[in-house]
């Protein structure tokens, strides 16, 4: 997330009105709901996690224990269990 100087974006009068309510604090302005994008849309992270989870399930089916998978993938055993037992 990048920050913008409020004076570069809003008129001075509006800035002064905002300062009446909050002065000198950081303010997050979320996107409008119709402008939001799904998680993982900008990167390949979603696909990489999907592939990793497939590998974990396959390894478990071939006999590797949850404890071993936890060490191999640096994940908690509970996380490995959730991956294995999810569909």
Protein backbone atom coordinates (compact mmCIF):
# COMPACT_ATOMS: atom_id res chain seq x y z
CA UNK A 1 0.00 0.00 0.00
CA UNK A 2 1.37 3.39 -0.90
CA UNK A 3 0.69 6.61 0.94
CA UNK A 4 -0.27 9.87 -0.67
CA UNK A 5 -0.01 13.34 0.76
CA UNK A 6 -3.54 14.48 1.51
CA UNK A 7 -2.81 17.95 0.11
CA UNK A 8 -1.99 16.34 -3.25
CA UNK A 9 -5.37 14.60 -3.34
CA UNK A 10 -7.95 16.74 -1.52
CA UNK A 11 -8.78 20.43 -1.44
CA UNK A 12 -7.37 22.40 1.50
CA UNK A 13 -10.87 23.20 2.86
CA UNK A 14 -11.75 19.49 2.98
CA UNK A 15 -8.46 18.69 4.72
CA UNK A 16 -9.27 21.29 7.37
CA UNK A 17 -12.72 19.74 7.89
CA UNK A 18 -11.21 16.29 8.28
CA UNK A 19 -8.71 17.70 10.80
CA UNK A 20 -11.64 18.85 12.94
CA UNK A 21 -12.47 15.17 13.52
CA UNK A 22 -9.05 13.54 13.44
CA UNK A 23 -5.85 15.50 13.60
CA UNK A 24 -2.44 14.02 12.96
CA UNK A 25 -3.40 10.36 12.72
CA UNK A 26 -3.10 7.89 9.86
CA UNK A 27 -6.39 7.18 8.15
CA UNK A 28 -7.18 4.18 5.97
CA UNK A 29 -9.75 4.71 3.26
CA UNK A 30 -10.93 1.34 1.89
CA UNK A 31 -11.83 0.73 -1.71
CA UNK A 32 -15.47 0.71 -2.72
CA UNK A 33 -16.88 -2.84 -2.64
CA UNK A 34 -17.25 -2.97 -6.43
CA UNK A 35 -13.58 -1.98 -6.87
CA UNK A 36 -12.18 -4.78 -4.73
CA UNK A 37 -10.40 -7.73 -6.28
CA UNK A 38 -10.22 -11.28 -5.00
CA UNK A 39 -7.27 -12.38 -2.90
CA UNK A 40 -4.46 -13.74 -5.05
CA UNK A 41 -5.65 -12.05 -8.25
CA UNK A 42 -2.55 -9.87 -8.62
CA UNK A 43 0.01 -12.61 -7.97
CA UNK A 44 0.44 -16.33 -8.44
CA UNK A 45 0.36 -16.95 -4.67
CA UNK A 46 -3.08 -18.58 -4.75
CA UNK A 47 -1.93 -21.04 -7.43
CA UNK A 48 1.34 -21.77 -5.60
CA UNK A 49 -0.50 -22.56 -2.38
CA UNK A 50 -2.94 -24.79 -4.27
CA UNK A 51 -0.02 -26.72 -5.82
CA UNK A 52 1.78 -26.96 -2.46
CA UNK A 53 -1.36 -28.35 -0.84
CA UNK A 54 -1.72 -30.94 -3.61
CA UNK A 55 1.88 -32.00 -2.99
CA UNK A 56 1.19 -32.31 0.74
CA UNK A 57 -1.89 -34.48 0.14
CA UNK A 58 0.01 -36.67 -2.33
CA UNK A 59 2.95 -37.08 0.04
CA UNK A 60 0.61 -38.02 2.88
CA UNK A 61 -1.12 -40.61 0.70
CA UNK A 62 2.27 -42.10 -0.14
CA UNK A 63 3.01 -42.65 3.55
CA UNK A 64 4.77 -39.53 4.84
CA UNK A 65 3.50 -38.68 8.31
CA UNK A 66 1.89 -35.41 9.34
CA UNK A 67 4.84 -34.71 11.62
CA UNK A 68 7.31 -35.20 8.77
CA UNK A 69 5.25 -33.01 6.44
CA UNK A 70 5.16 -30.34 9.11
CA UNK A 71 8.96 -30.28 9.18
CA UNK A 72 9.35 -30.43 5.40
CA UNK A 73 6.93 -27.57 4.69
CA UNK A 74 7.60 -25.55 7.86
CA UNK A 75 3.92 -25.62 8.81
CA UNK A 76 2.19 -26.52 12.07
CA UNK A 77 0.86 -30.06 12.29
CA UNK A 78 -2.68 -28.66 12.64
CA UNK A 79 -2.22 -26.78 9.36
CA UNK A 80 -1.04 -29.97 7.64
CA UNK A 81 -4.08 -31.79 9.03
CA UNK A 82 -6.42 -29.09 7.69
CA UNK A 83 -4.81 -29.35 4.25
CA UNK A 84 -5.00 -33.14 4.20
CA UNK A 85 -8.57 -33.39 5.38
CA UNK A 86 -9.96 -30.53 3.28
CA UNK A 87 -11.49 -31.25 -0.09
